[in-house]
C-alpha atoms as a PDB file:
ATOM      1  CA  MET A   1     -39.205  45.960 -11.470  1.00  0.00           C
ATOM      2  CA  ARG A   2     -41.507  49.407 -11.416  1.00  0.00           C
ATOM      3  CA  ALA A   3     -44.174  46.869 -10.198  1.00  0.00           C
ATOM      4  CA  ARG A   4     -42.018  46.495  -6.981  1.00  0.00           C
ATOM      5  CA  ASP A   5     -42.877  43.001  -7.324  1.00  0.00           C
ATOM      6  CA  LYS A   6     -39.924  41.837  -5.150  1.00  0.00           C
ATOM      7  CA  THR A   7     -40.530  38.224  -5.866  1.00  0.00           C
ATOM      8  CA  ALA A   8     -40.641  38.650  -9.474  1.00  0.00           C
ATOM      9  CA  VAL A   9     -37.070  40.398  -9.331  1.00  0.00           C
ATOM     10  CA  SER A  10     -35.628  38.273  -6.704  1.00  0.00           C
ATOM     11  CA  ALA A  11     -36.413  35.367  -9.263  1.00  0.00           C
ATOM     12  CA  LEU A  12     -35.198  37.112 -12.600  1.00  0.00           C
ATOM     13  CA  ARG A  13     -32.439  38.287 -11.240  1.00  0.00           C
ATOM     14  CA  ALA A  14     -30.969  34.920  -9.823  1.00  0.00           C
ATOM     15  CA  THR A  15     -32.134  33.094 -13.071  1.00  0.00           C
ATOM     16  CA  LEU A  16     -30.204  35.994 -15.634  1.00  0.00           C
ATOM     17  CA  ALA A  17     -26.943  35.124 -13.297  1.00  0.00           C
ATOM     18  CA  ALA A  18     -27.965  31.217 -14.186  1.00  0.00           C
ATOM     19  CA  LEU A  19     -27.712  32.194 -17.673  1.00  0.00           C
ATOM     20  CA  ASP A  20     -24.745  34.205 -17.920  1.00  0.00           C
ATOM     21  CA  ASN A  21     -22.739  31.487 -15.523  1.00  0.00           C
ATOM     22  CA  ALA A  22     -24.129  28.992 -18.853  1.00  0.00           C
ATOM     23  CA  GLU A  23     -22.227  30.822 -21.194  1.00  0.00           C
ATOM     24  CA  ALA A  24     -19.039  30.615 -19.745  1.00  0.00           C
ATOM     25  CA  VAL A  25     -16.826  28.646 -21.311  1.00  0.00           C
ATOM     26  CA  PRO A  26     -14.556  26.401 -19.191  1.00  0.00           C
ATOM     27  CA  VAL A  27     -11.252  27.177 -18.396  1.00  0.00           C
ATOM     28  CA  ASP A  28      -7.892  24.542 -19.772  1.00  0.00           C
ATOM     29  CA  GLU A  29      -6.605  23.957 -16.303  1.00  0.00           C
ATOM     30  CA  ALA A  30      -3.036  23.936 -18.135  1.00  0.00           C
ATOM     31  CA  ALA A  31      -3.505  27.355 -18.893  1.00  0.00           C
ATOM     32  CA  LEU A  32      -3.635  28.901 -15.403  1.00  0.00           C
ATOM     33  CA  ARG A  33      -1.037  26.655 -13.762  1.00  0.00           C
ATOM     34  CA  GLY A  34       2.450  27.506 -16.104  1.00  0.00           C
ATOM     35  CA  GLY A  35       4.137  30.375 -17.650  1.00  0.00           C
ATOM     36  CA  ALA A  36       6.561  32.412 -16.741  1.00  0.00           C
ATOM     37  CA  PHE A  37       5.332  36.077 -15.395  1.00  0.00           C
ATOM     38  CA  GLU A  38       6.409  38.076 -18.085  1.00  0.00           C
ATOM     39  CA  GLN A  39       4.555  36.149 -20.783  1.00  0.00           C
ATOM     40  CA  SER A  40       1.253  36.893 -18.794  1.00  0.00           C
ATOM     41  CA  PRO A  41      -1.282  39.019 -20.558  1.00  0.00           C
ATOM     42  CA  VAL A  42      -1.264  42.402 -19.644  1.00  0.00           C
ATOM     43  CA  GLY A  43      -4.182  45.446 -20.496  1.00  0.00           C
ATOM     44  CA  ALA A  44      -7.466  45.843 -20.566  1.00  0.00           C
ATOM     45  CA  GLY A  45      -9.904  42.761 -21.775  1.00  0.00           C
ATOM     46  CA  ALA A  46      -6.547  40.690 -22.493  1.00  0.00           C
ATOM     47  CA  THR A  47      -7.752  37.512 -19.948  1.00  0.00           C
ATOM     48  CA  GLU A  48     -11.314  37.895 -21.664  1.00  0.00           C
ATOM     49  CA  ALA A  49     -12.835  34.569 -23.290  1.00  0.00           C
ATOM     50  CA  PRO A  50     -15.639  34.972 -25.796  1.00  0.00           C
ATOM     51  CA  ARG A  51     -18.898  33.732 -24.372  1.00  0.00           C
ATOM     52  CA  ARG A  52     -20.775  30.475 -25.400  1.00  0.00           C
ATOM     53  CA  GLU A  53     -24.514  31.920 -27.688  1.00  0.00           C
ATOM     54  CA  LEU A  54     -26.799  30.210 -25.702  1.00  0.00           C
ATOM     55  CA  SER A  55     -29.915  28.435 -27.676  1.00  0.00           C
ATOM     56  CA  GLU A  56     -33.183  29.105 -27.235  1.00  0.00           C
ATOM     57  CA  ARG A  57     -33.938  25.865 -25.937  1.00  0.00           C
ATOM     58  CA  CYS A  58     -30.762  25.677 -23.704  1.00  0.00           C
ATOM     59  CA  MET A  59     -32.461  28.917 -22.482  1.00  0.00           C
ATOM     60  CA  ILE A  60     -35.612  27.351 -21.564  1.00  0.00           C
ATOM     61  CA  ASP A  61     -33.791  24.660 -19.820  1.00  0.00           C
ATOM     62  CA  VAL A  62     -31.645  27.028 -17.235  1.00  0.00           C
ATOM     63  CA  VAL A  63     -35.498  28.540 -16.543  1.00  0.00           C
ATOM     64  CA  ARG A  64     -36.959  25.257 -15.846  1.00  0.00           C
ATOM     65  CA  ALA A  65     -34.407  24.143 -13.669  1.00  0.00           C
ATOM     66  CA  GLU A  66     -33.892  27.481 -11.813  1.00  0.00           C
ATOM     67  CA  ALA A  67     -37.652  26.805 -11.456  1.00  0.00           C
ATOM     68  CA  THR A  68     -37.239  22.807 -10.231  1.00  0.00           C
ATOM     69  CA  GLU A  69     -35.148  23.371  -8.053  1.00  0.00           C
ATOM     70  CA  ARG A  70     -37.054  26.616  -5.989  1.00  0.00           C
ATOM     71  CA  LEU A  71     -39.554  24.186  -5.823  1.00  0.00           C
ATOM     72  CA  GLU A  72     -37.413  21.230  -4.682  1.00  0.00           C
ATOM     73  CA  VAL A  73     -36.188  23.643  -2.304  1.00  0.00           C
ATOM     74  CA  ALA A  74     -39.431  24.914  -0.769  1.00  0.00           C
ATOM     75  CA  ALA A  75     -40.838  20.829  -0.535  1.00  0.00           C
ATOM     76  CA  GLN A  76     -37.353  20.081   1.756  1.00  0.00           C
ATOM     77  CA  LEU A  77     -38.474  23.032   4.390  1.00  0.00           C
ATOM     78  CA  THR A  78     -41.325  21.644   6.237  1.00  0.00           C
ATOM     79  CA  ALA A  79     -40.098  22.518   9.151  1.00  0.00           C
ATOM     80  CA  PRO A  80     -43.156  25.219  10.552  1.00  0.00           C
ATOM     81  CA  ALA A  81     -40.595  27.639  10.289  1.00  0.00           C
ATOM     82  CA  HIS A  82     -39.144  27.905   7.300  1.00  0.00           C
ATOM     83  CA  ALA A  83     -42.938  28.009   6.176  1.00  0.00           C
ATOM     84  CA  ASP A  84     -42.147  31.947   4.977  1.00  0.00           C
ATOM     85  CA  ARG A  85     -38.978  30.862   2.781  1.00  0.00           C
ATOM     86  CA  ALA A  86     -41.064  27.543   1.476  1.00  0.00           C
ATOM     87  CA  ALA A  87     -43.503  29.462   0.158  1.00  0.00           C
ATOM     88  CA  GLN A  88     -41.494  32.716  -1.065  1.00  0.00           C
ATOM     89  CA  LEU A  89     -39.515  30.046  -3.324  1.00  0.00           C
ATOM     90  CA  ARG A  90     -43.071  28.442  -5.042  1.00  0.00           C
ATOM     91  CA  ALA A  91     -43.360  32.272  -5.727  1.00  0.00           C
ATOM     92  CA  GLU A  92     -40.345  32.862  -7.234  1.00  0.00           C
ATOM     93  CA  ALA A  93     -41.094  29.249  -8.669  1.00  0.00           C
ATOM     94  CA  ALA A  94     -44.448  30.301 -10.572  1.00  0.00           C
ATOM     95  CA  VAL A  95     -42.753  33.562 -11.788  1.00  0.00           C
ATOM     96  CA  LEU A  96     -40.546  31.345 -13.563  1.00  0.00           C
ATOM     97  CA  LEU A  97     -42.816  28.736 -15.100  1.00  0.00           C
ATOM     98  CA  HIS A  98     -45.575  31.658 -15.622  1.00  0.00           C
ATOM     99  CA  PHE A  99     -42.474  33.312 -17.894  1.00  0.00           C
ATOM    100  CA  LEU A 100     -42.174  30.282 -20.003  1.00  0.00           C
ATOM    101  CA  ASP A 101     -46.041  29.503 -20.286  1.00  0.00           C
ATOM    102  CA  SER A 102     -46.190  33.000 -21.635  1.00  0.00           C
ATOM    103  CA  ALA A 103     -43.192  34.079 -23.525  1.00  0.00           C
ATOM    104  CA  TRP A 104     -41.878  30.326 -25.118  1.00  0.00           C
ATOM    105  CA  THR A 105     -44.856  28.126 -25.428  1.00  0.00           C
ATOM    106  CA  GLY A 106     -42.971  26.920 -28.874  1.00  0.00           C
ATOM    107  CA  PRO A 107     -40.716  27.685 -31.934  1.00  0.00           C
ATOM    108  CA  GLY A 108     -41.603  31.015 -33.278  1.00  0.00           C
ATOM    109  CA  THR A 109     -43.477  32.594 -30.569  1.00  0.00           C
ATOM    110  CA  GLY A 110     -40.969  34.089 -27.868  1.00  0.00           C
ATOM    111  CA  PRO A 111     -40.796  37.358 -28.097  1.00  0.00           C
ATOM    112  CA  GLY A 112     -39.493  39.201 -31.105  1.00  0.00           C
ATOM    113  CA  THR A 113     -41.225  37.165 -33.538  1.00  0.00           C
ATOM    114  CA  THR A 114     -44.078  38.258 -35.624  1.00  0.00           C
END
């Protein structure tokens, strides 16, 4: 963000959102339906569900899927009118793949390890 790299910021923000979505816990359909109004949870955080904690492997898979999705969409954008968008998607995928290559090259080599 400090470098004002719009491509990197866009790719990383979307990937952080994808990681947040991956942490979501599935909601039980029965819990959404029934129940009397007076039995509804009330108060701040009353309806909050605990989030899943993703493993390092799962996080890597989410980031790789985000990069792959961008490359696949870019490959489908063959019309000259979409050349700029395709280039943007390829650049975002390159940012994510570079991040994977430099930060997560194997167990014990990620950020925060010595």
